[in-house]
Amino acid sequence: MTTARSNLIDPASTPYYHCMARCVRRAFLCGKDQFSGKNYEHRRQWVEDRLNVLADIFALEICAYAVMSNHYHVILHINREQAESWSMKEVLHRWSQLFSGPMLVQRYLAGATMGEADLIKVEEFAEKYRRRLKDISWFMRCLNEHLAREANREDGCKGRFWEGRYKSQALLDEAALLTCMAYVDLNPVRAKMAKTSESSQYTSFKKRTDVYTGSQKKKQPARLKPLKAPGQIPDKAIPYTLSCYFELVDWSGRMISKGKRGRIEDSVPNVLHRLGIDPDEWINTMRWNNRFRRAVGRLSSLKDYAGHIGQHWVHGVSPSVCLFQV
C-alpha cells in the first residue's frame, strides 16, 4: 500500500533524507544512448547546476549527490533554523526566484505602498512559502520539473520523463548518514564509470576533493553541507571529520572493486569502529537499495521511527542488526 509522503518525510524523526529519481525513457537522463548513438553527457551539468541553484534558495543543505546515466542520488538536510530566521521579505524574494507569485507579492517586493489588509495577505503568502522552502517535496519538484522540461525541449517531445515520484529514505542516525553518503559517492565507481572517487565526475566527493586540494587548500565547497573541521561549529557540520570521510570512501571503494575482504580487518578506518559498524556488513551495504527501503538506522532508531509513524515495524531490521552492532 502506498504511504503518504507526509509520513515518509517527517522532520520530527530526522532532518536527513536520501532521495533518488530515475528516468523513464530509454533515452538517458545523461550518458550515451547505445541505440541512437546520441550522447547526453552534457545533461549531467544540468543536474549539478540546478542543485546549486536550489541550494541557494531553499533551507535545505546538500550532504552528498551523484549523477548517473539514468538516475541521480541526493542526500538532503532540512535546516529549519535557517528557514525560521528569514524575514518576510527574504522569504518572498527567495520564492520569487522560482515562481512569479501573485500580484500582491510582486507589488510588495517592488516597494509599492500597501494597505493593512493587503499586508496581512502578503504575510500569509510568506508563511506558506517559508514552509515550502524547507520542504523536500518542493525541492524535488523544482529539480525534476526543470530537468524534465529541459530534456523534453532538447528531445522535441512531450510526456513523462521520470518513472514516477522520487523515492526517499529517512536517515535516522549518524551511522546511517555516513553509510548512505559513502554509498552515494561511490556510485560511479561501483558502476565502473570511474576508477577512483576523486575522478568521479558530477559527484559531491569530487567537488569536496577538488576544493580541498585546489588553490584554497583544506577548504570546503560553499554549496555542500560541510564535514567537521577545526574551528567548525559542531551544529553546522556533518559530524565526521573531512579526512576520516575521505579515508573511509577510498577504503570502501578499494574493497568493492578488488573484493579483498580478507584484508578488511587491517585497514578499517577508525571511524567505523567508533560508530560500531561491522566492516563485512559495510561492504554488503554498498548494495544499498537491496537492503533498506523507507528508513535506515540502528535497530533502536528504526523502532522509534516505526512507532512515530504508527507502524509496528519497518523494512530493514535484519540488515540493521548485522550492520550497526551498537
Protein backbone atom coordinates (compact mmCIF):
# COMPACT_ATOMS: atom_id res chain seq x y z
CA MET A 1 0.00 0.00 0.00
CA THR A 2 1.28 3.46 -0.90
CA THR A 3 2.41 5.53 2.07
CA ALA A 4 1.58 9.22 2.30
CA ARG A 5 4.57 11.48 1.57
CA SER A 6 3.93 13.29 4.87
CA ASN A 7 4.75 10.02 6.67
CA LEU A 8 7.83 9.30 4.57
CA ILE A 9 9.36 12.72 5.23
CA ASP A 10 8.93 13.77 8.84
CA PRO A 11 11.44 16.37 10.11
CA ALA A 12 10.50 15.44 13.69
CA SER A 13 12.05 11.99 13.13
CA THR A 14 15.23 13.13 11.36
CA PRO A 15 16.40 16.11 9.26
CA TYR A 16 18.43 13.86 6.90
CA TYR A 17 16.93 12.16 3.82
CA HIS A 18 18.29 10.20 0.87
CA CYS A 19 16.33 10.89 -2.34
CA MET A 20 16.57 9.26 -5.77
CA ALA A 21 14.80 9.80 -9.10
CA ARG A 22 15.06 7.61 -12.20
CA CYS A 23 14.39 8.43 -15.85
CA VAL A 24 11.55 6.53 -17.53
CA ARG A 25 12.54 6.76 -21.18
CA ARG A 26 15.17 4.66 -22.96
CA ALA A 27 16.90 7.93 -23.87
CA PHE A 28 19.05 8.51 -20.83
CA LEU A 29 18.99 11.39 -18.42
CA CYS A 30 22.73 11.51 -19.06
CA GLY A 31 25.29 9.30 -20.78
CA LYS A 32 25.35 7.77 -24.24
CA ASP A 33 22.34 6.04 -25.80
CA GLN A 34 23.73 2.89 -27.46
CA PHE A 35 20.66 2.58 -29.74
CA SER A 36 20.59 6.07 -31.25
CA GLY A 37 24.23 6.96 -30.73
CA LYS A 38 23.29 10.30 -29.13
CA ASN A 39 25.35 11.49 -26.23
CA TYR A 40 23.61 13.14 -23.28
CA GLU A 41 26.67 13.67 -21.08
CA HIS A 42 26.09 17.42 -21.06
CA ARG A 43 22.89 16.86 -19.05
CA ARG A 44 24.94 15.91 -16.01
CA GLN A 45 25.88 19.55 -15.74
CA TRP A 46 22.18 20.47 -15.84
CA VAL A 47 21.59 18.41 -12.69
CA GLU A 48 24.58 19.83 -10.84
CA ASP A 49 23.74 23.41 -11.85
CA ARG A 50 20.12 23.05 -10.76
CA LEU A 51 21.15 21.54 -7.42
CA ASN A 52 23.38 24.58 -6.85
CA VAL A 53 20.57 26.99 -7.70
CA LEU A 54 18.10 25.29 -5.37
CA ALA A 55 20.66 25.01 -2.56
CA ASP A 56 20.99 28.80 -2.65
CA ILE A 57 17.21 29.27 -2.40
CA PHE A 58 15.85 26.52 -0.11
CA ALA A 59 16.57 25.93 3.58
CA LEU A 60 17.88 22.51 2.54
CA GLU A 61 21.56 21.60 2.58
CA ILE A 62 23.12 19.08 0.21
CA CYS A 63 25.25 16.49 2.02
CA ALA A 64 26.07 14.25 -0.96
CA TYR A 65 24.97 13.64 -4.55
CA ALA A 66 25.86 11.58 -7.61
CA VAL A 67 24.56 11.99 -11.17
CA MET A 68 24.37 8.66 -13.02
CA SER A 69 23.28 7.68 -16.56
CA ASN A 70 19.54 7.28 -15.93
CA HIS A 71 19.12 8.42 -12.32
CA TYR A 72 20.60 10.58 -9.61
CA HIS A 73 21.01 10.45 -5.83
CA VAL A 74 20.99 13.34 -3.39
CA ILE A 75 21.15 13.45 0.43
CA LEU A 76 19.44 16.49 1.92
CA HIS A 77 19.45 18.09 5.37
CA ILE A 78 16.43 20.15 6.45
CA ASN A 79 17.70 23.35 8.10
CA ARG A 80 14.60 24.52 9.96
CA GLU A 81 16.51 27.14 11.97
CA GLN A 82 17.66 28.85 8.78
CA ALA A 83 14.11 28.99 7.39
CA GLU A 84 12.74 30.47 10.62
CA SER A 85 15.45 33.14 10.70
CA TRP A 86 14.47 34.64 7.35
CA SER A 87 12.49 37.86 7.30
CA MET A 88 9.22 38.03 5.39
CA LYS A 89 10.88 39.97 2.59
CA GLU A 90 13.72 37.45 2.27
CA VAL A 91 11.26 34.56 2.06
CA LEU A 92 9.31 36.29 -0.70
CA HIS A 93 12.49 37.21 -2.56
CA ARG A 94 13.73 33.61 -2.45
CA TRP A 95 10.41 32.21 -3.64
CA SER A 96 10.17 34.77 -6.45
CA GLN A 97 13.40 33.34 -7.93
CA LEU A 98 11.42 30.18 -8.70
CA PHE A 99 7.85 31.43 -9.24
CA SER A 100 6.46 34.88 -10.05
CA GLY A 101 3.80 34.64 -7.35
CA PRO A 102 0.56 36.65 -7.02
CA MET A 103 0.37 40.33 -7.91
CA LEU A 104 0.26 41.37 -4.23
CA VAL A 105 3.65 39.75 -3.63
CA GLN A 106 5.10 41.37 -6.75
CA ARG A 107 3.86 44.79 -5.64
CA TYR A 108 5.30 44.31 -2.14
CA LEU A 109 8.72 43.35 -3.48
CA ALA A 110 8.62 46.34 -5.83
CA GLY A 111 8.18 48.64 -2.80
CA ALA A 112 4.61 49.72 -3.53
CA THR A 113 2.51 51.35 -0.79
CA MET A 114 0.03 48.79 0.56
CA GLY A 115 -2.89 48.82 2.97
CA GLU A 116 -3.12 46.78 6.16
CA ALA A 117 -5.39 44.12 4.64
CA ASP A 118 -3.01 43.62 1.73
CA LEU A 119 -0.02 43.34 4.08
CA ILE A 120 -1.80 40.66 6.12
CA LYS A 121 -2.40 38.70 2.92
CA VAL A 122 1.25 39.09 1.91
CA GLU A 123 2.29 37.75 5.34
CA GLU A 124 0.09 34.70 4.77
CA PHE A 125 1.78 34.08 1.43
CA ALA A 126 5.20 34.45 3.08
CA GLU A 127 4.43 31.86 5.76
CA LYS A 128 3.18 29.42 3.13
CA TYR A 129 6.35 29.92 1.09
CA ARG A 130 8.51 29.56 4.22
CA ARG A 131 7.04 26.09 4.80
CA ARG A 132 7.68 25.17 1.18
CA LEU A 133 11.28 26.40 1.27
CA LYS A 134 12.09 23.80 3.93
CA ASP A 135 10.05 21.05 2.25
CA ILE A 136 11.94 18.27 0.44
CA SER A 137 8.95 17.55 -1.82
CA TRP A 138 9.02 21.10 -3.15
CA PHE A 139 12.79 20.93 -3.61
CA MET A 140 12.49 17.72 -5.62
CA ARG A 141 9.59 19.12 -7.61
CA CYS A 142 11.59 22.20 -8.59
CA LEU A 143 14.52 19.97 -9.53
CA ASN A 144 12.68 17.28 -11.51
CA GLU A 145 10.23 19.55 -13.34
CA HIS A 146 13.07 21.76 -14.52
CA LEU A 147 15.11 18.80 -15.77
CA ALA A 148 12.09 17.24 -17.49
CA ARG A 149 11.25 20.47 -19.34
CA GLU A 150 14.85 20.91 -20.50
CA ALA A 151 15.15 17.30 -21.67
CA ASN A 152 11.76 17.36 -23.45
CA ARG A 153 12.70 20.61 -25.18
CA GLU A 154 16.00 19.15 -26.36
CA ASP A 155 14.38 15.86 -27.48
CA GLY A 156 11.50 17.67 -29.20
CA CYS A 157 8.84 15.60 -27.43
CA LYS A 158 6.28 15.68 -24.62
CA GLY A 159 5.24 13.30 -21.89
CA ARG A 160 6.69 11.81 -18.73
CA PHE A 161 10.43 11.99 -18.22
CA TRP A 162 10.61 10.37 -14.75
CA GLU A 163 9.36 6.87 -13.99
CA GLY A 164 7.38 8.13 -11.00
CA ARG A 165 7.69 10.24 -7.90
CA TYR A 166 11.10 10.41 -6.33
CA LYS A 167 11.99 7.81 -3.70
CA SER A 168 13.12 8.82 -0.24
CA GLN A 169 14.74 7.17 2.78
CA ALA A 170 14.95 8.63 6.27
CA LEU A 171 18.48 8.53 7.68
CA LEU A 172 17.74 8.14 11.37
CA ASP A 173 21.17 8.47 13.00
CA GLU A 174 24.80 9.37 12.35
CA ALA A 175 25.80 5.84 11.32
CA ALA A 176 23.03 5.72 8.71
CA LEU A 177 24.06 9.13 7.35
CA LEU A 178 27.70 8.10 6.99
CA THR A 179 26.81 4.80 5.32
CA CYS A 180 24.46 6.43 2.82
CA MET A 181 26.88 9.25 1.96
CA ALA A 182 29.60 6.72 1.16
CA TYR A 183 27.14 4.68 -0.90
CA VAL A 184 26.11 7.74 -2.94
CA ASP A 185 29.66 8.99 -3.50
CA LEU A 186 30.78 5.51 -4.63
CA ASN A 187 28.01 5.02 -7.21
CA PRO A 188 30.19 5.85 -10.26
CA VAL A 189 32.98 3.57 -9.02
CA ARG A 190 30.54 0.71 -8.48
CA ALA A 191 29.09 1.27 -11.96
CA LYS A 192 32.61 1.29 -13.50
CA MET A 193 32.12 4.85 -14.70
CA ALA A 194 35.24 5.99 -12.82
CA LYS A 195 38.39 4.36 -11.48
CA THR A 196 38.59 6.43 -8.31
CA SER A 197 36.18 8.50 -6.26
CA GLU A 198 38.12 11.70 -6.82
CA SER A 199 37.83 11.21 -10.59
CA SER A 200 34.06 10.57 -10.45
CA GLN A 201 32.54 13.45 -12.39
CA TYR A 202 29.40 15.17 -11.05
CA THR A 203 29.59 13.81 -7.51
CA SER A 204 29.85 15.57 -4.18
CA PHE A 205 33.06 13.65 -3.41
CA LYS A 206 34.85 15.10 -6.43
CA LYS A 207 33.64 18.58 -5.54
CA ARG A 208 34.97 18.17 -1.99
CA THR A 209 38.36 16.85 -3.13
CA ASP A 210 38.74 19.49 -5.87
CA VAL A 211 38.29 22.30 -3.35
CA TYR A 212 40.37 20.57 -0.67
CA THR A 213 43.40 20.07 -2.93
CA GLY A 214 42.96 23.18 -5.07
CA SER A 215 44.24 26.72 -4.67
CA GLN A 216 42.33 27.13 -1.38
CA LYS A 217 43.63 24.01 0.35
CA LYS A 218 41.59 22.37 3.10
CA LYS A 219 38.52 24.48 2.32
CA GLN A 220 35.04 23.00 1.77
CA PRO A 221 32.56 23.67 -1.07
CA ALA A 222 30.14 26.50 -0.39
CA ARG A 223 27.03 24.66 -1.57
CA LEU A 224 27.65 21.39 0.29
CA LYS A 225 26.99 20.91 3.97
CA PRO A 226 30.49 20.84 5.46
CA LEU A 227 32.04 17.96 7.31
CA LYS A 228 33.52 18.63 10.72
CA ALA A 229 36.79 20.59 10.60
CA PRO A 230 38.95 22.58 13.07
CA GLY A 231 37.05 25.69 14.07
CA GLN A 232 33.82 24.39 12.54
CA ILE A 233 30.69 24.96 14.65
CA PRO A 234 29.53 21.39 15.54
CA ASP A 235 25.84 22.07 14.93
CA LYS A 236 26.60 23.45 11.46
CA ALA A 237 28.54 20.46 10.16
CA ILE A 238 28.14 16.77 9.39
CA PRO A 239 29.56 15.01 12.48
CA TYR A 240 32.63 13.41 10.79
CA THR A 241 36.00 14.89 10.02
CA LEU A 242 36.78 15.52 6.37
CA SER A 243 39.97 13.44 6.39
CA CYS A 244 38.22 10.45 8.01
CA TYR A 245 35.46 10.61 5.40
CA PHE A 246 37.97 10.72 2.52
CA GLU A 247 39.76 7.71 4.01
CA LEU A 248 36.52 5.82 4.52
CA VAL A 249 35.24 6.32 0.96
CA ASP A 250 38.62 5.42 -0.51
CA TRP A 251 38.83 2.27 1.61
CA SER A 252 35.27 1.24 0.78
CA GLY A 253 35.87 1.75 -2.92
CA ARG A 254 39.00 -0.37 -2.93
CA MET A 255 37.25 -3.16 -1.09
CA ILE A 256 34.33 -3.14 -3.54
CA SER A 257 36.39 -3.03 -6.74
CA LYS A 258 39.02 -5.59 -5.75
CA GLY A 259 36.97 -7.76 -3.40
CA LYS A 260 39.80 -8.10 -0.87
CA ARG A 261 37.53 -8.88 2.06
CA GLY A 262 40.22 -10.88 3.79
CA ARG A 263 42.26 -7.71 4.42
CA ILE A 264 39.44 -5.56 5.77
CA GLU A 265 40.40 -6.09 9.42
CA ASP A 266 43.81 -4.43 9.00
CA SER A 267 42.66 -1.38 7.02
CA VAL A 268 39.33 -0.38 8.55
CA PRO A 269 39.31 3.36 9.33
CA ASN A 270 38.84 4.26 12.98
CA VAL A 271 35.54 5.94 12.19
CA LEU A 272 33.94 2.54 11.55
CA HIS A 273 34.97 1.20 14.94
CA ARG A 274 33.89 4.44 16.61
CA LEU A 275 30.38 4.12 15.18
CA GLY A 276 30.18 0.38 15.82
CA ILE A 277 29.84 -0.60 12.15
CA ASP A 278 30.81 -4.13 11.14
CA PRO A 279 33.29 -3.97 8.20
CA ASP A 280 31.99 -7.06 6.35
CA GLU A 281 28.42 -5.82 6.61
CA TRP A 282 29.59 -2.37 5.46
CA ILE A 283 30.70 -3.90 2.15
CA ASN A 284 27.38 -5.75 1.81
CA THR A 285 25.54 -2.49 2.37
CA MET A 286 27.14 -0.98 -0.72
CA ARG A 287 24.22 -2.85 -2.37
CA TRP A 288 22.12 -0.21 -0.59
CA ASN A 289 18.76 -0.43 -2.36
CA ASN A 290 18.59 -4.19 -1.85
CA ARG A 291 18.77 -3.87 1.92
CA PHE A 292 16.87 -0.78 3.08
CA ARG A 293 13.73 0.98 1.91
CA ARG A 294 11.93 3.69 3.83
CA ALA A 295 14.41 4.36 6.63
CA VAL A 296 17.97 3.50 7.65
CA GLY A 297 19.50 3.40 11.13
CA ARG A 298 20.36 1.36 14.17
CA LEU A 299 17.69 -1.03 15.48
CA SER A 300 16.67 1.35 18.26
CA SER A 301 16.28 4.18 15.75
CA LEU A 302 14.14 2.00 13.46
CA LYS A 303 11.89 1.00 16.37
CA ASP A 304 11.41 4.64 17.41
CA TYR A 305 10.71 5.64 13.81
CA ALA A 306 8.13 2.86 13.33
CA GLY A 307 6.29 3.96 16.46
CA HIS A 308 6.40 7.59 15.37
CA ILE A 309 4.74 6.83 12.02
CA GLY A 310 2.18 4.47 13.58
CA GLN A 311 3.55 1.13 12.37
CA HIS A 312 4.71 -1.99 14.20
CA TRP A 313 7.88 -2.39 12.08
CA VAL A 314 9.73 -1.08 9.03
CA HIS A 315 11.77 -2.92 6.40
CA GLY A 316 15.49 -3.29 7.11
CA VAL A 317 15.56 -4.65 10.67
CA SER A 318 17.79 -7.65 9.85
CA PRO A 319 20.39 -5.64 7.85
CA SER A 320 20.41 -3.04 10.62
CA VAL A 321 21.17 -5.65 13.29
CA CYS A 322 24.06 -7.02 11.17
CA LEU A 323 25.49 -3.67 10.07
CA PHE A 324 25.17 -1.49 13.16
CA GLN A 325 26.41 -3.53 16.08
CA VAL A 326 25.87 -0.94 18.83
